[in-house]
Protein backbone atom coordinates (compact mmCIF):
# COMPACT_ATOMS: atom_id res chain seq x y z
CA MET A 1 -99.15 22.72 2.02
CA ASN A 2 -99.66 20.28 4.87
CA ASN A 3 -100.75 17.37 2.68
CA ASN A 4 -98.98 14.52 4.47
CA GLU A 5 -98.01 11.41 2.56
CA THR A 6 -100.05 8.96 4.61
CA ALA A 7 -103.22 10.81 3.74
CA LEU A 8 -102.70 10.51 0.00
CA ASN A 9 -103.97 6.94 -0.07
CA ARG A 10 -107.11 7.74 1.87
CA ARG A 11 -109.23 9.62 -0.63
CA ASP A 12 -109.95 9.89 -4.33
CA GLY A 13 -107.36 12.49 -5.27
CA ALA A 14 -103.83 13.72 -4.69
CA ASN A 15 -104.94 16.59 -2.42
CA ALA A 16 -105.50 15.50 1.17
CA SER A 17 -108.44 17.02 3.02
CA MET A 18 -107.93 18.46 6.50
CA TRP A 19 -109.96 15.61 8.05
CA GLN A 20 -107.22 13.12 7.26
CA ALA A 21 -104.67 15.02 9.36
CA ALA A 22 -106.23 13.85 12.62
CA SER A 23 -107.86 10.61 11.49
CA VAL A 24 -106.55 7.06 11.40
CA ASN A 25 -108.65 4.27 9.97
CA ASP A 26 -109.30 1.46 12.41
CA PRO A 27 -108.30 -2.02 11.17
CA ALA A 28 -111.26 -3.46 9.33
CA THR A 29 -112.46 -7.02 9.55
CA HIS A 30 -111.47 -9.23 6.62
CA HIS A 31 -114.14 -11.87 6.36
CA THR A 32 -114.19 -14.17 3.37
CA ASP A 33 -116.52 -16.97 4.47
CA GLN A 34 -118.19 -17.74 1.16
CA GLU A 35 -120.78 -20.00 2.76
CA GLU A 36 -122.36 -17.32 4.93
CA ILE A 37 -125.50 -15.59 3.61
CA TYR A 38 -125.86 -12.05 4.93
CA ASP A 39 -129.11 -10.17 5.24
CA THR A 40 -127.59 -7.18 3.45
CA LEU A 41 -124.37 -6.34 1.65
CA ILE A 42 -123.65 -2.60 1.72
CA ILE A 43 -121.22 -1.46 -0.98
CA GLY A 44 -119.51 1.81 -0.09
CA GLY A 45 -117.87 3.03 3.10
CA GLY A 46 -119.02 6.65 3.32
CA ILE A 47 -121.70 8.19 5.52
CA THR A 48 -124.57 6.61 3.56
CA GLY A 49 -123.13 3.11 3.65
CA LEU A 50 -122.00 3.13 7.27
CA THR A 51 -125.22 4.71 8.55
CA THR A 52 -127.26 2.12 6.65
CA ALA A 53 -125.10 -0.72 7.96
CA TYR A 54 -125.31 0.52 11.56
CA LEU A 55 -129.09 1.01 11.45
CA LEU A 56 -129.73 -2.46 10.00
CA GLN A 57 -127.29 -4.22 12.34
CA LYS A 58 -128.84 -2.39 15.29
CA GLN A 59 -132.21 -3.89 14.30
CA GLY A 60 -130.83 -7.43 14.41
CA LYS A 61 -129.87 -7.88 10.78
CA HIS A 62 -126.56 -9.52 9.89
CA CYS A 63 -124.71 -7.24 7.47
CA VAL A 64 -121.40 -6.92 5.67
CA LEU A 65 -119.95 -3.72 4.24
CA ALA A 66 -117.49 -3.83 1.34
CA GLU A 67 -115.39 -0.77 0.47
CA ALA A 68 -113.26 -0.70 -2.68
CA LYS A 69 -110.56 1.40 -1.01
CA ASN A 70 -110.80 2.54 2.63
CA LEU A 71 -113.57 4.01 4.76
CA GLY A 72 -114.21 7.64 3.86
CA PHE A 73 -112.26 7.38 0.60
CA GLY A 74 -114.84 9.24 -1.47
CA THR A 75 -117.01 12.28 -0.84
CA THR A 76 -117.30 11.76 2.91
CA GLY A 77 -113.54 12.24 3.19
CA GLY A 78 -113.75 15.44 1.14
CA THR A 79 -116.92 17.09 2.40
CA THR A 80 -116.87 20.32 4.39
CA ALA A 81 -119.38 18.66 6.75
CA HIS A 82 -122.14 21.23 7.01
CA LEU A 83 -125.42 19.95 8.48
CA ASN A 84 -128.34 22.10 7.35
CA THR A 85 -132.11 22.31 7.48
CA PHE A 86 -131.98 24.32 4.26
CA LEU A 87 -130.84 22.67 1.04
CA ASP A 88 -129.13 23.49 -2.24
CA THR A 89 -132.53 22.85 -3.80
CA THR A 90 -134.31 25.74 -2.09
CA TYR A 91 -137.75 25.56 -0.51
CA PRO A 92 -139.27 27.84 -3.21
CA GLU A 93 -137.98 25.36 -5.80
CA ILE A 94 -139.37 22.41 -3.84
CA ASP A 95 -142.70 24.25 -3.45
CA SER A 96 -142.87 24.78 -7.20
CA ASN A 97 -141.70 21.34 -8.32
CA PHE A 98 -143.19 19.06 -5.66
CA GLY A 99 -145.62 21.09 -3.55
CA LYS A 100 -145.56 22.76 -0.15
CA GLU A 101 -146.26 19.48 1.65
CA THR A 102 -142.96 18.17 0.31
CA SER A 103 -141.14 21.26 1.60
CA THR A 104 -142.57 20.58 5.06
CA LEU A 105 -141.49 16.95 4.80
CA MET A 106 -137.94 17.93 3.78
CA ALA A 107 -137.72 20.47 6.60
CA GLU A 108 -138.80 17.83 9.12
CA GLY A 109 -136.39 15.25 7.70
CA THR A 110 -133.34 17.51 7.70
CA LYS A 111 -134.04 18.58 11.29
CA LYS A 112 -134.37 14.94 12.38
CA MET A 113 -131.08 14.05 10.70
CA ILE A 114 -129.17 16.72 12.63
CA GLU A 115 -130.76 15.32 15.77
CA MET A 116 -129.88 11.75 14.75
CA VAL A 117 -126.23 12.59 14.15
CA ASN A 118 -126.11 14.36 17.53
CA THR A 119 -127.77 11.37 19.23
CA ASN A 120 -125.29 8.94 17.64
CA VAL A 121 -122.38 11.12 18.75
CA GLN A 122 -123.71 11.19 22.33
CA ASP A 123 -124.91 7.59 22.66
CA LEU A 124 -121.91 6.01 20.96
CA GLN A 125 -119.45 8.45 22.55
CA ILE A 126 -117.96 9.47 19.22
CA ASP A 127 -115.44 12.31 19.47
CA ALA A 128 -116.63 13.85 16.20
CA ASP A 129 -116.33 17.59 17.03
CA PHE A 130 -120.12 17.95 16.69
CA GLU A 131 -121.33 21.50 17.32
CA LEU A 132 -124.67 23.23 16.86
CA LYS A 133 -124.25 26.50 14.96
CA ILE A 134 -126.13 29.49 13.62
CA ALA A 135 -126.08 29.69 9.82
CA TYR A 136 -126.40 32.80 7.65
CA LEU A 137 -127.49 33.05 4.02
CA PHE A 138 -126.89 36.48 2.51
CA SER A 139 -127.57 38.43 -0.67
CA GLN A 140 -125.30 40.96 -2.39
CA ASP A 141 -127.51 42.50 -5.10
CA GLU A 142 -131.17 43.19 -5.80
CA LYS A 143 -131.77 39.95 -7.71
CA GLU A 144 -130.34 37.87 -4.87
CA THR A 145 -132.29 39.87 -2.30
CA LYS A 146 -135.54 39.09 -4.09
CA GLU A 147 -134.63 35.38 -4.12
CA LEU A 148 -133.69 35.59 -0.44
CA GLN A 149 -137.11 36.98 0.47
CA SER A 150 -138.74 34.09 -1.35
CA ILE A 151 -136.51 31.63 0.52
CA LEU A 152 -137.48 33.23 3.83
CA THR A 153 -141.21 32.95 3.13
CA SER A 154 -141.10 29.37 1.85
CA SER A 155 -138.70 28.20 4.56
CA GLN A 156 -140.85 29.60 7.35
CA ALA A 157 -143.95 28.04 5.80
CA ALA A 158 -142.13 24.70 5.72
CA GLY A 159 -141.38 24.95 9.43
CA VAL A 160 -137.70 25.93 9.28
CA ALA A 161 -136.45 28.10 12.16
CA VAL A 162 -135.27 31.12 10.16
CA SER A 163 -135.55 34.90 10.50
CA GLU A 164 -134.08 38.08 9.06
CA ALA A 165 -130.70 39.11 10.46
CA ASN A 166 -128.56 42.25 10.58
CA GLU A 167 -125.29 40.32 10.22
CA ASN A 168 -123.90 37.51 8.08
CA GLY A 169 -121.14 36.17 10.32
CA VAL A 170 -118.27 36.93 7.92
CA PRO A 171 -116.47 40.16 6.86
CA ILE A 172 -118.17 40.27 3.46
CA PRO A 173 -120.52 43.10 2.39
CA PHE A 174 -124.17 42.12 2.01
CA LYS A 175 -127.58 43.61 1.35
CA GLN A 176 -129.75 41.22 3.35
CA ALA A 177 -129.18 38.13 5.48
CA LEU A 178 -131.20 35.27 6.94
CA ARG A 179 -130.39 33.51 10.21
CA PHE A 180 -131.06 29.76 10.46
CA GLU A 181 -131.16 28.27 13.96
CA ASN A 182 -129.88 24.85 15.08
CA GLN A 183 -127.60 24.05 12.15
CA ALA A 184 -124.49 21.97 12.83
CA GLN A 185 -121.01 20.88 11.82
CA PHE A 186 -118.82 17.89 12.63
CA HIS A 187 -115.71 15.91 11.73
CA PRO A 188 -116.97 13.49 9.05
CA LEU A 189 -114.26 10.83 9.26
CA LYS A 190 -114.32 10.64 13.05
CA TYR A 191 -118.10 10.25 12.85
CA ILE A 192 -118.19 7.42 10.30
CA LEU A 193 -115.32 5.59 12.00
CA GLY A 194 -117.36 5.75 15.20
CA LEU A 195 -120.30 4.21 13.37
CA ALA A 196 -117.97 1.57 11.94
CA ARG A 197 -116.70 0.58 15.38
CA GLU A 198 -120.24 0.23 16.73
CA PHE A 199 -121.33 -1.70 13.64
CA GLU A 200 -118.54 -4.22 14.25
CA LYS A 201 -119.35 -4.42 17.97
CA LEU A 202 -122.88 -5.42 16.99
CA GLY A 203 -121.51 -8.24 14.82
CA GLY A 204 -121.29 -6.51 11.46
CA LYS A 205 -118.40 -7.22 9.10
CA ILE A 206 -116.32 -4.63 7.23
CA ILE A 207 -114.06 -5.50 4.31
CA GLU A 208 -111.83 -2.79 2.85
CA GLN A 209 -109.78 -2.89 -0.37
CA THR A 210 -112.51 -5.03 -1.95
CA PHE A 211 -113.99 -3.93 -5.26
CA ILE A 212 -117.28 -5.63 -6.13
CA HIS A 213 -117.16 -5.89 -9.90
CA SER A 214 -120.37 -7.82 -10.60
CA THR A 215 -123.47 -9.30 -8.98
CA GLU A 216 -125.80 -12.14 -9.91
CA LEU A 217 -129.18 -13.14 -8.47
CA ARG A 218 -129.83 -16.88 -8.05
CA GLU A 219 -132.82 -18.20 -6.10
CA ASP A 220 -133.33 -14.88 -4.26
CA ILE A 221 -129.69 -14.70 -3.19
CA HIS A 222 -127.30 -12.11 -4.59
CA TYR A 223 -123.79 -13.30 -5.41
CA ALA A 224 -121.42 -10.31 -5.31
CA LYS A 225 -118.05 -11.03 -6.86
CA SER A 226 -114.70 -9.39 -6.22
CA GLU A 227 -111.29 -10.48 -7.47
CA GLN A 228 -110.66 -12.26 -4.15
CA PHE A 229 -113.97 -13.91 -3.26
CA THR A 230 -117.76 -13.91 -3.56
CA LEU A 231 -120.18 -12.59 -0.94
CA LYS A 232 -123.78 -13.78 -0.61
CA ALA A 233 -126.62 -11.56 0.58
CA LYS A 234 -130.40 -11.27 0.43
CA ASN A 235 -130.15 -7.53 -0.28
CA ILE A 236 -127.55 -5.21 -1.79
CA VAL A 237 -127.22 -1.48 -1.12
CA TYR A 238 -125.10 0.61 -3.49
CA ALA A 239 -123.94 3.52 -1.32
CA THR A 240 -121.61 4.67 -4.10
CA HIS A 241 -123.40 7.69 -5.56
CA ILE A 242 -124.19 6.40 -9.07
CA PRO A 243 -124.60 2.61 -9.13
CA PRO A 244 -122.33 0.68 -11.52
CA GLY A 245 -123.08 0.16 -15.16
CA ILE A 246 -125.18 2.23 -17.54
CA ASN A 247 -128.61 2.94 -16.10
CA ILE A 248 -131.22 5.67 -15.88
CA LEU A 249 -129.58 7.24 -12.83
CA SER A 250 -126.45 8.00 -14.85
CA LEU A 251 -128.63 10.22 -17.05
CA ARG A 252 -130.64 11.83 -14.24
CA ASN A 253 -127.64 13.06 -12.24
CA ALA A 254 -124.84 15.42 -13.23
CA PRO A 255 -121.45 15.04 -11.49
CA TYR A 256 -119.85 18.21 -10.09
CA ARG A 257 -116.67 19.05 -8.20
CA SER A 258 -116.46 21.63 -5.45
CA TYR A 259 -113.20 23.20 -4.29
CA VAL A 260 -112.10 23.88 -0.73
CA LEU A 261 -109.39 25.85 1.08
CA ALA A 262 -108.54 25.52 4.76
CA VAL A 263 -106.63 28.62 5.87
CA LYS A 264 -105.09 30.24 8.93
CA LEU A 265 -105.93 33.89 9.65
CA ASN A 266 -103.44 36.48 10.88
CA SER A 267 -106.01 37.91 13.28
CA GLY A 268 -106.63 34.60 15.01
CA GLU A 269 -110.34 35.47 14.95
CA TYR A 270 -112.45 32.87 13.17
CA PRO A 271 -116.17 32.96 12.32
CA ASP A 272 -118.24 31.04 14.87
CA CYS A 273 -121.02 30.20 12.43
CA LEU A 274 -121.85 28.72 9.06
CA SER A 275 -122.30 31.23 6.24
CA TYR A 276 -123.25 31.14 2.55
CA ASP A 277 -123.45 33.71 -0.21
CA MET A 278 -125.85 33.39 -3.16
CA GLN A 279 -123.44 33.61 -6.07
CA GLU A 280 -123.48 31.02 -8.83
CA PRO A 281 -121.67 28.89 -7.82
CA TYR A 282 -122.05 29.96 -4.21
CA HIS A 283 -119.32 30.21 -1.56
CA TYR A 284 -119.58 28.63 1.87
CA PHE A 285 -117.69 29.23 5.10
CA ARG A 286 -117.10 27.73 8.52
CA SER A 287 -114.33 27.20 11.07
CA HIS A 288 -112.90 24.00 12.53
CA GLU A 289 -110.11 23.20 14.97
CA ILE A 290 -107.65 20.42 14.13
CA ASP A 291 -104.92 19.46 16.61
CA GLY A 292 -105.38 22.69 18.54
CA GLN A 293 -105.20 24.93 15.46
CA LYS A 294 -108.27 26.70 14.12
CA HIS A 295 -108.84 26.89 10.38
CA LEU A 296 -111.30 28.80 8.25
CA ILE A 297 -112.82 26.51 5.62
CA ILE A 298 -113.88 28.26 2.39
CA GLY A 299 -115.53 26.38 -0.45
CA GLY A 300 -116.89 27.13 -3.90
CA ALA A 301 -115.80 27.49 -7.57
CA ASP A 302 -117.85 24.38 -8.46
CA HIS A 303 -117.96 23.07 -12.00
CA LYS A 304 -119.09 19.93 -13.76
CA THR A 305 -116.60 17.07 -13.39
CA GLY A 306 -114.16 16.84 -16.29
CA HIS A 307 -115.23 20.19 -17.76
CA GLY A 308 -113.67 23.10 -15.86
CA ASP A 309 -110.05 23.95 -15.10
CA PRO A 310 -109.24 22.66 -11.58
CA LEU A 311 -106.14 24.84 -11.23
CA LYS A 312 -108.10 27.96 -12.17
CA ALA A 313 -110.89 26.93 -9.78
CA PHE A 314 -108.41 26.88 -6.89
CA GLU A 315 -106.92 30.16 -8.10
CA ASP A 316 -110.34 31.83 -8.26
CA LEU A 317 -111.26 30.53 -4.82
CA GLU A 318 -107.99 31.80 -3.34
CA ASP A 319 -108.45 35.23 -4.96
CA TYR A 320 -111.95 35.41 -3.49
CA ALA A 321 -110.75 34.32 -0.04
CA ARG A 322 -107.88 36.81 0.08
CA LYS A 323 -110.21 39.62 -0.95
CA TYR A 324 -112.10 39.36 2.34
CA PHE A 325 -109.78 37.56 4.79
CA ASP A 326 -106.22 38.29 6.00
CA ILE A 327 -104.76 34.86 5.34
CA SER A 328 -101.44 33.86 6.84
CA GLU A 329 -101.27 30.36 5.35
CA ILE A 330 -103.25 28.01 3.17
CA THR A 331 -102.87 24.75 5.07
CA TYR A 332 -105.04 22.44 2.96
CA LYS A 333 -106.76 22.54 -0.39
CA TRP A 334 -108.81 19.79 -1.95
CA SER A 335 -111.86 19.10 -4.09
CA SER A 336 -114.74 16.67 -3.78
CA GLN A 337 -117.49 15.25 -5.95
CA TYR A 338 -121.26 15.44 -5.66
CA TYR A 339 -124.19 14.67 -7.96
CA VAL A 340 -126.98 17.08 -8.92
CA PRO A 341 -130.37 15.44 -9.63
CA VAL A 342 -132.39 16.81 -12.52
CA ASP A 343 -135.49 17.60 -10.43
CA GLY A 344 -133.75 18.67 -7.23
CA LEU A 345 -134.37 15.76 -4.85
CA PRO A 346 -132.37 12.56 -4.22
CA TYR A 347 -133.01 9.19 -5.84
CA VAL A 348 -133.23 6.60 -3.07
CA GLY A 349 -134.80 3.13 -3.14
CA HIS A 350 -134.97 0.14 -5.47
CA LEU A 351 -132.64 0.32 -8.47
CA PRO A 352 -134.79 0.87 -11.60
CA GLY A 353 -134.46 -2.16 -13.86
CA GLY A 354 -132.34 -3.96 -11.29
CA ASN A 355 -132.95 -7.27 -9.62
CA LYS A 356 -135.17 -7.56 -6.57
CA GLY A 357 -133.44 -6.45 -3.38
CA ILE A 358 -130.97 -3.98 -4.91
CA TYR A 359 -131.11 -0.46 -3.45
CA VAL A 360 -129.39 2.79 -4.42
CA ALA A 361 -128.95 6.30 -3.04
CA THR A 362 -127.70 9.24 -5.10
CA GLY A 363 -128.43 12.82 -6.14
CA PHE A 364 -127.61 14.54 -2.84
CA ASN A 365 -126.48 17.79 -4.49
CA GLY A 366 -124.24 19.64 -2.01
CA ASN A 367 -126.01 18.23 1.05
CA GLY A 368 -124.46 14.78 1.23
CA MET A 369 -124.05 14.53 5.00
CA ILE A 370 -127.73 15.26 5.66
CA LEU A 371 -129.26 13.50 2.65
CA GLY A 372 -126.87 10.54 2.93
CA SER A 373 -128.10 10.05 6.50
CA LEU A 374 -131.75 10.45 5.48
CA SER A 375 -131.22 7.96 2.64
CA ALA A 376 -129.79 5.44 5.08
CA VAL A 377 -132.91 5.71 7.23
CA LEU A 378 -135.15 5.22 4.18
CA ILE A 379 -133.23 2.23 2.80
CA SER A 380 -133.04 0.51 6.18
CA ASP A 381 -136.79 0.99 6.57
CA LEU A 382 -137.43 -0.48 3.12
CA ILE A 383 -135.32 -3.54 3.92
CA LEU A 384 -136.98 -3.92 7.32
CA GLY A 385 -140.44 -3.65 5.76
CA LYS A 386 -141.31 -0.40 7.56
CA GLU A 387 -143.34 2.43 6.11
CA ASN A 388 -141.40 5.58 5.31
CA SER A 389 -142.89 8.87 4.13
CA TYR A 390 -139.97 9.47 1.74
CA GLU A 391 -140.34 6.20 -0.21
CA LYS A 392 -142.50 7.55 -3.02
CA LEU A 393 -140.96 11.03 -3.00
CA PHE A 394 -137.37 9.77 -3.42
CA SER A 395 -138.22 6.79 -5.67
CA PRO A 396 -135.46 6.35 -8.29
CA SER A 397 -138.17 5.35 -10.78
CA ARG A 398 -139.94 8.70 -10.61
CA LEU A 399 -139.82 11.21 -13.46
CA LYS A 400 -140.96 14.77 -12.96
CA PRO A 401 -141.06 16.17 -16.53
CA ILE A 402 -142.19 19.63 -15.44
CA ALA A 403 -139.50 19.98 -12.79
CA GLY A 404 -136.67 18.08 -14.40
CA PHE A 405 -137.14 18.05 -18.16
CA THR A 406 -135.10 21.17 -18.99
CA GLU A 407 -132.12 20.07 -16.91
CA PHE A 408 -132.53 16.48 -18.14
CA VAL A 409 -132.23 17.61 -21.77
CA LYS A 410 -129.33 19.96 -21.03
CA GLU A 411 -127.27 17.42 -19.11
CA ASN A 412 -127.80 14.64 -21.62
CA ALA A 413 -127.21 16.85 -24.64
CA ASP A 414 -123.89 17.65 -23.00
CA VAL A 415 -123.16 13.93 -22.54
CA ALA A 416 -124.07 13.20 -26.15
CA TYR A 417 -121.70 15.96 -27.27
CA HIS A 418 -118.78 14.36 -25.46
CA PHE A 419 -119.53 10.94 -26.94
CA VAL A 420 -118.74 12.43 -30.35
CA ALA A 421 -116.70 15.62 -29.94
CA ASP A 422 -114.10 14.21 -27.59
CA ARG A 423 -113.05 11.72 -30.24
CA PHE A 424 -112.40 14.39 -32.85
CA GLY A 425 -111.95 17.71 -31.07
CA ALA A 426 -109.47 17.02 -28.28
CA GLU A 427 -106.17 18.89 -28.34
CA ILE A 428 -103.61 16.94 -30.31
CA ILE A 429 -100.14 16.93 -28.83
CA LYS A 430 -97.52 16.29 -31.54
CA SER A 431 -94.94 14.71 -29.28
CA THR A 432 -94.99 13.11 -25.85
CA ASN A 433 -91.85 15.14 -25.18
CA GLU A 434 -94.18 18.08 -24.51
CA LEU A 435 -95.34 16.36 -21.34
CA GLY A 436 -94.01 17.99 -18.18
CA ARG A 437 -93.17 16.10 -15.01
CA SER A 438 -96.27 15.02 -13.04
CA GLU A 439 -98.40 16.00 -16.03
CA GLY A 440 -101.06 14.20 -18.00
CA LYS A 441 -102.48 14.91 -21.46
CA ILE A 442 -104.63 13.34 -24.15
CA VAL A 443 -102.32 12.84 -27.12
CA GLU A 444 -102.49 11.18 -30.52
CA PHE A 445 -99.93 8.50 -31.34
CA GLU A 446 -99.97 6.37 -34.46
CA GLY A 447 -103.55 7.35 -35.17
CA GLU A 448 -104.84 6.44 -31.72
CA LYS A 449 -105.75 8.69 -28.83
CA LEU A 450 -103.92 7.96 -25.62
CA ALA A 451 -104.01 9.21 -22.06
CA LEU A 452 -100.38 9.83 -21.16
CA TYR A 453 -98.93 10.66 -17.75
CA LYS A 454 -95.30 11.42 -16.94
CA ASP A 455 -94.29 10.97 -13.31
CA ASP A 456 -91.68 12.87 -11.27
CA VAL A 457 -88.79 10.81 -12.62
CA GLY A 458 -89.97 10.96 -16.23
CA LYS A 459 -91.59 7.57 -16.61
CA VAL A 460 -94.60 7.67 -18.95
CA THR A 461 -97.77 5.68 -18.31
CA ALA A 462 -100.10 5.25 -21.30
CA LEU A 463 -103.78 4.37 -21.05
CA ASN A 464 -106.71 3.95 -23.37
CA PRO A 465 -108.62 7.21 -22.64
CA VAL A 466 -112.05 5.69 -23.37
CA CYS A 467 -113.99 5.56 -20.09
CA THR A 468 -115.00 1.99 -19.35
CA HIS A 469 -118.48 3.09 -18.29
CA ALA A 470 -120.05 4.52 -21.44
CA GLY A 471 -117.23 5.26 -23.84
CA CYS A 472 -116.52 8.98 -23.32
CA ILE A 473 -112.96 10.31 -23.45
CA VAL A 474 -111.48 11.18 -20.05
CA ASN A 475 -109.82 14.54 -19.29
CA TRP A 476 -106.75 15.22 -17.14
CA ASN A 477 -107.28 16.82 -13.70
CA PRO A 478 -103.92 18.48 -12.93
CA SER A 479 -104.81 19.28 -9.33
CA GLU A 480 -105.99 15.89 -8.09
CA LYS A 481 -103.73 14.02 -10.58
CA THR A 482 -106.65 11.99 -11.93
CA TRP A 483 -108.35 11.19 -15.23
CA ASP A 484 -111.95 12.50 -15.01
CA CYS A 485 -114.81 11.54 -17.31
CA PRO A 486 -116.92 14.53 -18.47
CA CYS A 487 -120.04 12.44 -19.05
CA HIS A 488 -120.99 10.63 -15.84
CA GLY A 489 -118.24 11.56 -13.40
CA GLY A 490 -116.11 8.42 -13.45
CA ARG A 491 -112.59 9.10 -12.18
CA PHE A 492 -109.38 7.11 -12.55
CA SER A 493 -105.87 7.21 -11.05
CA VAL A 494 -102.75 7.92 -13.12
CA ASN A 495 -102.40 4.16 -13.48
CA GLY A 496 -106.00 3.81 -14.66
CA GLN A 497 -107.54 2.39 -11.49
CA VAL A 498 -111.17 3.29 -10.80
CA LEU A 499 -111.40 5.92 -8.06
CA THR A 500 -115.00 7.07 -8.40
CA GLY A 501 -117.92 5.18 -9.96
CA PRO A 502 -119.93 4.39 -12.01
CA PRO A 503 -117.16 2.61 -14.01
CA GLN A 504 -116.55 -0.98 -12.94
CA LYS A 505 -113.36 -1.55 -14.92
CA ASP A 506 -110.00 0.22 -14.92
CA LEU A 507 -108.75 2.11 -17.96
CA GLU A 508 -106.90 -0.22 -20.28
CA PRO A 509 -103.08 0.11 -20.09
CA VAL A 510 -101.24 0.60 -23.40
CA PRO A 511 -97.59 -0.58 -23.58
CA LEU A 512 -95.39 2.18 -25.00
CA HIS A 513 -91.89 0.99 -24.20
CA GLU A 514 -90.18 3.14 -26.80
CA ILE A 515 -91.90 6.32 -25.66
CA THR A 516 -91.21 5.48 -22.03
CA SER A 517 -87.50 5.03 -22.59
CA ALA A 518 -87.26 8.19 -24.68
CA ASN A 519 -88.99 10.32 -22.10
CA THR A 520 -87.20 8.99 -19.04
CA ASN A 521 -84.05 10.56 -20.48
CA LYS A 522 -85.61 13.97 -20.79
C-alpha cells in the first residue's frame, strides 16, 4: 500500500486516498481579529464550503472560512470525483416523487455545474486534471434492463444527452447499456485548493485547525466560538454535511460509507470513460493518472456508517475487481462518507429551527461534487438576495410524506433501535487482554461499557463509547481506525476527537491506568 505518512493527517481516516499523493495544502491564513464583522462565516473546507466562499467573495462580500482540520479533510478528500448529469436518485424516481418539471430542473442544474467547474478550472488556471468523458450505465439482468429503459426515457425527457449503446467501457458482461455525453472527472483536492487560493486573493480569510463548537446570535450578529477565539459574522454557512447538534436534518439523512480501490493493471490499458453497473450497492469505475502512473479507480460495497464490516467491504470489492480486471497492484484503498436524504434530493437553505442567517447543505447522496457545487450557488444566491429556482425545491424545511415517509420510518426505527440495543446487546469482551495491537473493541469493565483501543506498542486508550451527539454507542471501524456512530454518522479518532459531524464534543476519555500498564506488557 502506498499510503504515505504525511497523508494520514489530511483526511478523516487512517487510509489515505490517492488524491493526497500529489497534493500539498497551501498555508492558510490565520486571522483572529475579534473586532471584525464578516458578511459570512463558512464552516467547512470541502467543495461546498470553498465554492460558497469563492462565489460570495467574488461578489464583493467579505468572508471567512473556518475548517476544523485541513482543507479537503472530509468527503472531498475521499470522493472518486465523478461529475454527472445523472444522479443516484434517478430521473424516474424524481419524476414520481417531485414531477417531471423537477427532473428537467435537475438535468439543467447538473449540466451547468459541470460547465461551472470547467470554467473555474480555465479562468483560474487550476491544474485539476479536469476531463470531459463519456459515461456508461449498464444492466446485467432482466430486472435491471427494465429499470434502465425507464431511466433512458425519463432522462431524455428531462433533457439529458443520453442514448442506447453497444458497449459499456469496461470488460464486464452486460445486457444493455446507456451512453451519457459530456460527463466529467477531476482531481478534487487540486480543484478546491485552487478555489482557496483565489478566495484569498480576493481578500477572503481561511483558518484551518479551528473547530467552531458553538454559535450565538446577538443583535443580528452571529458569534461563533472556538477554543482559541470568537468570529463575528452576519451569516453562517454549515458546509459540514449534517449541521451540529440534534435537529430535523439528522433524522432526514442516513450516513453511508463507500469503499474505493485504486489499482494498477498488468495490461497497461485503462478505461477511458466513466462506467456504472446497477447492482445494489452499485459499482463505479474510472481511470486517473497520478505522477505519471495511471490507476483504475473502482468503488462500491457501500453500507450504512457503523453497521457493516469495513474489512469485509474491502474484501468484497477486491474480489469483484479481480474477477474482471488483471490487477498487478492495489496502490490505494480508502472509504468515504455521504448522506442519503429520505426523499432523494438535497436539503439546502435556512437551517430549520435555527437562528436567522444560518444556512446548511446536506443530503447529496453519492453526487457530492455536483450537488455540493449546486448547493454553493443556491446558498450564495440566498445570501445575496437573488432568486434561485432551487430554493423551494431544496428547502430543508420541506417534507414529502409520499416520497420520503417509508425511508424516514425505516431510518429512524433503525436509529431508535441503536439507542436501546447498543446498551444491552453489544459483544461483551471478558478481558482487555483479548485486544490485539492496533485494535479497538467495545468492552465491559466494572459494569460500564468502554471503547478500548490498543496501539502498536500495546498502550490502551479508554473512552466513553456514548456518542456526544445523541447518545448512541459507537462501533469500531478496523479499516479506518475510527469509532463510528451507527445512528447519525458521527466519527471519532482513536483518541476520541471528532472527525466527522454532527457531534460537537469529543468522546470522554476514561483513565484506566491499571489496564494500560497490564496491557503494555503483553
